[in-house]
Amino acid sequence: MGKAGEVLFAPLRKALTEYATLSFVQRLAVTPAQMGTDAGLVGAAAAALAGRTDTAVAAV
């Protein structure tokens, strides 16, 4: 989706401006992922590692 660029992001920004009522949503910046297509994978790995407490993971 990140490669869709303004075709996707412009309507999304407009909808957020019009419908977002929570303060933290109003401050969102909608931008393409800097990691490209790996962003989801990296985020999933980070979420998985965040729940672990063993020392091998703590060093990562």
Protein backbone atom coordinates (compact mmCIF):
# COMPACT_ATOMS: atom_id res chain seq x y z
CA MET A 1 0.00 0.00 0.00
CA GLY A 2 2.89 2.34 0.63
CA LYS A 3 3.68 2.47 -3.06
CA ALA A 4 0.17 3.75 -3.80
CA GLY A 5 1.38 7.16 -2.61
CA GLU A 6 -0.95 10.11 -2.80
CA VAL A 7 -3.67 8.05 -4.49
CA LEU A 8 -4.16 6.35 -1.14
CA PHE A 9 -2.80 8.88 1.35
CA ALA A 10 -4.59 12.06 0.19
CA PRO A 11 -8.13 10.68 0.75
CA LEU A 12 -7.01 9.08 4.00
CA ARG A 13 -5.62 12.37 5.30
CA LYS A 14 -8.82 14.15 4.27
CA ALA A 15 -11.00 11.57 6.04
CA LEU A 16 -8.89 11.77 9.19
CA THR A 17 -9.19 15.56 9.19
CA GLU A 18 -12.97 15.39 8.75
CA TYR A 19 -13.84 12.50 11.04
CA ALA A 20 -11.10 12.11 13.66
CA THR A 21 -12.34 13.36 16.98
CA LEU A 22 -9.78 11.93 19.41
CA SER A 23 -6.85 14.26 20.02
CA PHE A 24 -4.16 11.64 19.34
CA VAL A 25 -5.75 10.81 15.97
CA GLN A 26 -5.84 14.48 14.97
CA ARG A 27 -2.04 14.64 15.32
CA LEU A 28 -1.34 11.60 13.13
CA ALA A 29 1.01 12.04 10.19
CA VAL A 30 0.12 9.75 7.30
CA THR A 31 3.29 8.93 5.37
CA PRO A 32 4.69 5.99 3.42
CA ALA A 33 6.63 3.48 5.49
CA GLN A 34 10.35 4.22 5.47
CA MET A 35 11.08 0.48 5.55
CA GLY A 36 9.02 -0.15 2.44
CA THR A 37 7.47 -3.58 2.13
CA ASP A 38 9.40 -4.90 5.17
CA ALA A 39 7.64 -2.54 7.60
CA GLY A 40 4.91 -5.02 8.53
CA LEU A 41 7.40 -7.81 9.08
CA VAL A 42 9.65 -5.65 11.24
CA GLY A 43 6.67 -4.41 13.26
CA ALA A 44 5.41 -7.96 13.83
CA ALA A 45 8.86 -9.09 14.95
CA ALA A 46 9.16 -6.12 17.32
CA ALA A 47 5.73 -6.87 18.81
CA ALA A 48 6.65 -10.52 19.29
CA LEU A 49 9.95 -9.63 20.92
CA ALA A 50 8.36 -7.01 23.17
CA GLY A 51 6.41 -9.70 24.99
CA ARG A 52 9.52 -11.75 25.82
CA THR A 53 11.66 -11.23 28.88
CA ASP A 54 14.52 -13.71 28.41
CA THR A 55 18.05 -12.31 28.25
CA ALA A 56 18.69 -13.42 24.66
CA VAL A 57 15.97 -11.12 23.44
CA ALA A 58 16.90 -8.28 25.79
CA ALA A 59 20.24 -7.95 23.99
CA VAL A 60 18.58 -7.36 20.61
